[in-house]
Amino acid sequence: MNIIELATQRLQELSQTGVEMPAPASGAARAEQRIGTVSGASLHVAHQAASNGDASPAHEAGPAGTARTARSRASSDSVTLDFEQLEESGVLVATRSRSTMAEEFRHIKRPLLANARKSSRKPGQREPLIMVTSSLPGEGKTFCALNLAVSMAIEVDMSVLLVDADVVRCNLMRTLGLQPRKGLLDVLTEPGLDLSDVLLRTNMPKLSLLPAGTCNVRSTELLASDAMDRLLQELASRYPDRVVVFDTTPLLLTSEAKVLASHMGQVVVVVEEAKTPYPVLEQAFSAVENCPVVMSVLNKGKKPTPDYGSYYG
């Protein structure tokens, strides 16, 4: 007796004992059920990607890749930013109002976005990776990184991932009023941890966050590792409509910023007006001289600036 005959005999025995057996689904019904499950997963990913500003929900080919992306995206957490508190601390809040500072960051972001958009996104192209740093602490790098990311997030066809790459102090998370949690360093140290497991969706459209993660005494070595290089390459090339802004440590007091600069496509050096000595600036710019694009932003200026708000009423 072959296996089919044995199975048939067993079903008949169960039926005689009063056990009700469900009717077998036809091949077409089973196929439809499978297609429906995969389609639902794809739509779920598309919805989450839209809320995150990632226009491309899945890049892996085939239904299996789509379902796998759906599961990884579903594991991402969401955080709610306190817009009123951020606004009180001087942070731009999307498009609530026109202001002098909002217009200034519009001017700052334009060349950075132009460089990111002209990139062909071939392997090795990293213009979408933008590092914001300074020579010394207290010059306003976190403030500028955050406002630059928010300003970029209001672009019609651009999304932003803001990375707390100041793995020593994690100033960005504190500025946003968020508690420390797993992030960048954990992805580099835990083989089973995926980037999607630590990404944070926010209530600000098209802005996502990547925390610094658990402090590690080997943070410089981790940032210089092959794993970090592969991660950055994925961030630079996976989504053609996304830029990644890194808030990093100061250039002259730690080694982490110099290591990151070697991987970046663009570097923005924040300079505090009338405070940062010229020799210090020379050292800072020498540390990033091999980066393809280096810009500077003068912060905490005392000179009068145009009153854009009064112009727009």
Protein backbone atom coordinates (compact mmCIF):
# COMPACT_ATOMS: atom_id res chain seq x y z
CA MET A 1 0.00 0.00 0.00
CA ASN A 2 1.49 3.35 -1.05
CA ILE A 3 1.49 6.58 0.97
CA ILE A 4 -1.61 7.98 -0.74
CA GLU A 5 -3.63 4.84 0.02
CA LEU A 6 -2.46 4.91 3.64
CA ALA A 7 -3.52 8.56 3.99
CA THR A 8 -6.93 7.80 2.46
CA GLN A 9 -7.49 4.89 4.83
CA ARG A 10 -6.54 7.08 7.83
CA LEU A 11 -9.01 9.80 6.80
CA GLN A 12 -11.79 7.22 6.48
CA GLU A 13 -11.02 5.87 9.96
CA LEU A 14 -11.18 9.39 11.44
CA SER A 15 -14.46 10.05 9.66
CA GLN A 16 -16.00 6.88 11.07
CA THR A 17 -15.12 7.99 14.63
CA GLY A 18 -17.09 11.23 14.14
CA VAL A 19 -14.16 13.60 13.57
CA GLU A 20 -15.13 16.26 10.99
CA MET A 21 -12.42 16.87 8.41
CA PRO A 22 -12.22 20.22 6.56
CA ALA A 23 -12.71 20.09 2.84
CA PRO A 24 -9.39 20.27 1.01
CA ALA A 25 -8.79 23.56 -0.74
CA SER A 26 -8.40 23.45 -4.49
CA GLY A 27 -5.03 24.24 -6.04
CA ALA A 28 -6.39 27.55 -7.33
CA ALA A 29 -7.71 28.49 -3.87
CA ARG A 30 -4.38 27.68 -2.23
CA ALA A 31 -2.53 29.73 -4.85
CA GLU A 32 -4.92 32.65 -4.33
CA GLN A 33 -4.38 32.44 -0.58
CA ARG A 34 -0.61 32.57 -0.98
CA ILE A 35 -0.81 35.52 -3.39
CA GLY A 36 -3.13 37.38 -1.02
CA THR A 37 -0.72 36.96 1.89
CA VAL A 38 2.25 38.26 -0.06
CA SER A 39 0.27 41.18 -1.50
CA GLY A 40 -0.88 42.15 1.98
CA ALA A 41 2.71 42.13 3.20
CA SER A 42 3.81 44.28 0.27
CA LEU A 43 1.07 46.85 0.96
CA HIS A 44 1.99 46.88 4.65
CA VAL A 45 5.61 47.67 3.78
CA ALA A 46 4.56 50.36 1.32
CA HIS A 47 2.47 52.07 3.99
CA GLN A 48 5.28 52.01 6.53
CA ALA A 49 7.80 53.18 3.98
CA ALA A 50 5.59 56.11 3.02
CA SER A 51 5.31 57.18 6.65
CA ASN A 52 9.08 56.97 6.90
CA GLY A 53 9.75 58.75 3.66
CA ASP A 54 11.21 55.65 2.00
CA ALA A 55 9.53 55.55 -1.37
CA SER A 56 10.81 52.08 -2.30
CA PRO A 57 9.19 49.51 -0.01
CA ALA A 58 11.29 46.52 -1.05
CA HIS A 59 14.41 46.01 -3.12
CA GLU A 60 14.76 42.24 -2.80
CA ALA A 61 13.40 40.34 -5.79
CA GLY A 62 10.49 37.96 -5.48
CA PRO A 63 7.66 37.37 -2.98
CA ALA A 64 10.00 35.89 -0.38
CA GLY A 65 12.08 39.06 -0.34
CA THR A 66 8.94 41.19 -0.02
CA ALA A 67 7.65 39.19 2.93
CA ARG A 68 11.07 39.30 4.61
CA THR A 69 11.19 43.08 4.26
CA ALA A 70 7.68 43.34 5.70
CA ARG A 71 8.73 41.47 8.82
CA SER A 72 11.87 43.55 9.32
CA ARG A 73 10.01 46.84 8.85
CA ALA A 74 7.31 45.78 11.29
CA SER A 75 9.97 45.38 13.97
CA SER A 76 10.93 49.07 13.81
CA ASP A 77 9.75 51.18 16.73
CA SER A 78 7.98 54.52 16.59
CA VAL A 79 8.69 57.55 18.76
CA THR A 80 6.70 60.73 19.25
CA LEU A 81 8.66 63.96 19.20
CA ASP A 82 7.39 66.84 21.33
CA PHE A 83 7.08 69.56 18.71
CA GLU A 84 6.31 72.33 21.18
CA GLN A 85 9.33 71.53 23.32
CA LEU A 86 11.58 71.31 20.27
CA GLU A 87 10.30 74.62 18.96
CA GLU A 88 10.97 76.26 22.31
CA SER A 89 14.57 75.01 22.18
CA GLY A 90 15.05 76.57 18.75
CA VAL A 91 14.54 73.50 16.57
CA LEU A 92 12.67 73.86 13.30
CA VAL A 93 9.36 72.01 13.31
CA ALA A 94 8.54 71.10 9.70
CA THR A 95 6.66 73.94 8.01
CA ARG A 96 4.86 75.51 10.95
CA SER A 97 6.01 78.98 10.04
CA ARG A 98 8.53 80.89 7.99
CA SER A 99 11.44 82.27 9.93
CA THR A 100 14.91 83.63 9.42
CA MET A 101 16.46 80.40 10.66
CA ALA A 102 14.27 78.28 8.39
CA GLU A 103 15.41 80.28 5.38
CA GLU A 104 19.05 80.07 6.44
CA PHE A 105 18.89 76.28 6.58
CA ARG A 106 17.17 76.28 3.19
CA HIS A 107 20.26 78.00 1.81
CA ILE A 108 22.59 75.57 3.61
CA LYS A 109 20.84 72.42 2.39
CA ARG A 110 20.58 73.33 -1.30
CA PRO A 111 24.18 72.53 -2.37
CA LEU A 112 24.19 69.42 -0.17
CA LEU A 113 21.01 68.11 -1.79
CA ALA A 114 22.29 69.03 -5.25
CA ASN A 115 25.39 66.90 -4.64
CA ALA A 116 23.29 64.02 -3.32
CA ARG A 117 20.87 64.11 -6.26
CA LYS A 118 23.48 64.27 -8.98
CA SER A 119 25.06 61.09 -7.68
CA SER A 120 24.38 58.18 -10.00
CA ARG A 121 24.16 55.90 -6.95
CA LYS A 122 26.69 53.50 -8.42
CA PRO A 123 28.81 51.47 -5.99
CA GLY A 124 31.19 53.78 -4.17
CA GLN A 125 29.06 56.91 -4.57
CA ARG A 126 28.39 58.35 -1.11
CA GLU A 127 27.12 61.87 -1.66
CA PRO A 128 23.90 61.03 0.25
CA LEU A 129 26.00 60.51 3.41
CA ILE A 130 26.38 63.92 5.08
CA MET A 131 28.42 64.33 8.24
CA VAL A 132 27.94 67.34 10.53
CA THR A 133 30.82 68.00 12.92
CA SER A 134 32.87 70.79 14.49
CA SER A 135 36.40 71.44 15.69
CA LEU A 136 35.56 71.55 19.38
CA PRO A 137 32.51 70.91 21.60
CA GLY A 138 29.92 73.62 22.07
CA GLU A 139 30.00 75.06 18.56
CA GLY A 140 26.48 73.86 17.74
CA LYS A 141 26.99 70.77 15.58
CA THR A 142 24.02 68.84 17.05
CA PHE A 143 21.78 71.88 16.70
CA CYS A 144 22.80 72.28 13.05
CA ALA A 145 22.56 68.56 12.25
CA LEU A 146 19.04 68.36 13.65
CA ASN A 147 17.78 71.49 11.93
CA LEU A 148 19.44 70.51 8.66
CA ALA A 149 17.74 67.11 8.78
CA VAL A 150 14.34 68.65 9.53
CA SER A 151 14.77 71.16 6.72
CA MET A 152 15.68 68.37 4.30
CA ALA A 153 12.71 66.28 5.44
CA ILE A 154 10.26 68.92 4.19
CA GLU A 155 11.53 68.43 0.64
CA VAL A 156 8.80 67.14 -1.66
CA ASP A 157 10.78 64.17 -2.99
CA MET A 158 13.34 63.49 -0.28
CA SER A 159 13.42 61.56 2.99
CA VAL A 160 16.01 61.75 5.77
CA LEU A 161 17.64 59.34 8.19
CA LEU A 162 19.23 61.24 11.09
CA VAL A 163 21.99 59.25 12.80
CA ASP A 164 23.27 59.95 16.29
CA ALA A 165 26.89 59.15 15.48
CA ASP A 166 28.23 61.01 18.52
CA VAL A 167 28.81 57.63 20.14
CA VAL A 168 30.57 59.25 23.11
CA ARG A 169 27.90 61.63 24.41
CA CYS A 170 24.76 60.82 22.36
CA ASN A 171 23.69 64.47 22.45
CA LEU A 172 21.11 64.09 19.69
CA MET A 173 18.87 61.69 21.57
CA ARG A 174 18.90 63.92 24.65
CA THR A 175 18.09 66.98 22.55
CA LEU A 176 15.08 65.15 21.14
CA GLY A 177 13.96 64.16 24.64
CA LEU A 178 14.47 60.44 23.96
CA GLN A 179 15.99 57.79 26.18
CA PRO A 180 19.15 55.93 25.08
CA ARG A 181 18.47 52.64 23.33
CA LYS A 182 20.09 50.14 21.01
CA GLY A 183 21.38 51.58 17.77
CA LEU A 184 24.38 51.90 15.49
CA LEU A 185 27.06 50.34 17.70
CA ASP A 186 24.80 47.42 18.61
CA VAL A 187 24.25 46.58 14.93
CA LEU A 188 28.04 46.42 14.55
CA THR A 189 28.55 44.18 17.59
CA GLU A 190 25.51 41.87 17.57
CA PRO A 191 25.42 39.56 14.52
CA GLY A 192 21.73 38.79 14.90
CA LEU A 193 20.67 42.45 15.10
CA ASP A 194 19.43 44.05 11.89
CA LEU A 195 19.44 47.76 11.11
CA SER A 196 15.65 47.70 10.84
CA ASP A 197 15.48 46.46 14.45
CA VAL A 198 16.90 49.73 15.81
CA LEU A 199 15.56 52.34 13.37
CA LEU A 200 12.97 54.69 14.85
CA ARG A 201 10.05 56.09 12.91
CA THR A 202 8.94 59.55 14.07
CA ASN A 203 5.76 61.58 13.93
CA MET A 204 7.59 64.04 11.68
CA PRO A 205 6.88 63.00 8.09
CA LYS A 206 9.86 61.53 6.22
CA LEU A 207 12.24 61.74 9.18
CA SER A 208 13.68 58.58 10.77
CA LEU A 209 16.26 58.20 13.53
CA LEU A 210 19.14 55.83 14.22
CA PRO A 211 20.37 56.05 17.85
CA ALA A 212 24.05 55.74 18.70
CA GLY A 213 23.45 52.59 20.70
CA THR A 214 25.27 51.06 23.65
CA CYS A 215 28.54 52.78 24.59
CA ASN A 216 31.61 50.76 23.66
CA VAL A 217 35.26 51.42 24.49
CA ARG A 218 36.15 50.15 20.98
CA SER A 219 33.80 52.55 19.21
CA THR A 220 36.56 53.92 16.95
CA GLU A 221 37.54 50.43 15.83
CA LEU A 222 33.90 49.51 15.23
CA LEU A 223 33.35 52.60 13.08
CA ALA A 224 36.48 51.76 11.10
CA SER A 225 35.47 48.13 10.53
CA ASP A 226 34.44 46.43 7.30
CA ALA A 227 30.98 45.91 8.80
CA MET A 228 30.57 49.68 9.16
CA ASP A 229 31.76 50.22 5.60
CA ARG A 230 29.18 47.75 4.29
CA LEU A 231 26.46 49.37 6.40
CA LEU A 232 27.28 52.84 5.08
CA GLN A 233 27.32 51.58 1.51
CA GLU A 234 23.85 50.13 2.02
CA LEU A 235 22.60 53.39 3.51
CA ALA A 236 24.05 55.36 0.60
CA SER A 237 22.61 53.23 -2.17
CA ARG A 238 19.47 51.44 -0.98
CA TYR A 239 16.94 54.25 -1.39
CA PRO A 240 17.49 56.80 -4.17
CA ASP A 241 15.29 59.40 -2.45
CA ARG A 242 17.02 59.37 0.94
CA VAL A 243 19.89 61.32 2.48
CA VAL A 244 21.58 60.32 5.73
CA VAL A 245 22.71 63.04 8.14
CA PHE A 246 25.27 62.09 10.82
CA ASP A 247 25.75 64.10 14.00
CA THR A 248 29.28 63.13 15.02
CA THR A 249 31.85 63.86 17.69
CA PRO A 250 34.14 66.92 17.39
CA LEU A 251 37.09 66.43 15.04
CA LEU A 252 39.95 67.46 17.32
CA LEU A 253 39.02 65.79 20.62
CA THR A 254 38.09 62.28 19.51
CA SER A 255 39.15 59.83 16.84
CA GLU A 256 35.63 58.69 15.90
CA ALA A 257 34.86 61.74 13.76
CA LYS A 258 38.02 61.37 11.68
CA VAL A 259 37.23 57.72 11.01
CA LEU A 260 33.68 58.54 9.92
CA ALA A 261 34.86 61.38 7.69
CA SER A 262 36.83 58.91 5.60
CA HIS A 263 33.57 57.15 4.71
CA MET A 264 31.44 60.23 4.02
CA GLY A 265 30.46 61.84 0.74
CA GLN A 266 30.02 65.31 2.27
CA VAL A 267 31.20 66.97 5.47
CA VAL A 268 29.78 70.10 7.10
CA VAL A 269 32.04 71.74 9.69
CA VAL A 270 30.18 74.00 12.12
CA VAL A 271 32.23 77.00 13.25
CA GLU A 272 31.26 79.23 16.15
CA GLU A 273 31.73 82.88 15.18
CA ALA A 274 34.33 84.91 17.08
CA LYS A 275 35.32 81.95 19.26
CA THR A 276 37.00 79.18 17.26
CA PRO A 277 40.69 80.14 16.77
CA TYR A 278 42.03 80.06 13.24
CA PRO A 279 44.80 77.50 13.99
CA VAL A 280 42.11 75.18 15.37
CA LEU A 281 40.11 75.56 12.17
CA GLU A 282 43.19 74.69 10.12
CA GLN A 283 43.63 71.47 12.07
CA ALA A 284 39.96 70.59 11.71
CA PHE A 285 39.85 71.10 7.96
CA SER A 286 43.10 69.19 7.56
CA ALA A 287 41.43 66.22 9.24
CA VAL A 288 38.73 66.08 6.54
CA GLU A 289 40.75 67.23 3.53
CA ASN A 290 40.36 63.85 1.80
CA CYS A 291 36.57 64.02 1.84
CA PRO A 292 35.12 64.80 -1.64
CA VAL A 293 33.00 67.74 -0.42
CA VAL A 294 33.72 69.90 2.65
CA MET A 295 31.56 72.88 3.60
CA SER A 296 31.46 75.16 6.63
CA VAL A 297 28.58 76.77 8.51
CA LEU A 298 29.11 79.87 10.64
CA ASN A 299 27.02 79.48 13.78
CA LYS A 300 25.99 81.85 16.59
CA GLY A 301 26.60 84.91 14.43
CA LYS A 302 26.13 88.33 15.98
CA LYS A 303 25.73 90.30 12.76
CA PRO A 304 22.20 91.31 11.67
CA THR A 305 20.60 88.92 9.21
CA PRO A 306 17.72 89.51 6.76
CA ASP A 307 14.31 89.33 8.39
CA TYR A 308 12.63 86.76 6.12
CA GLY A 309 9.65 86.53 8.44
CA SER A 310 8.65 90.17 8.01
CA TYR A 311 8.96 89.84 4.21
CA TYR A 312 6.56 86.89 4.08
CA GLY A 313 4.24 88.50 6.63
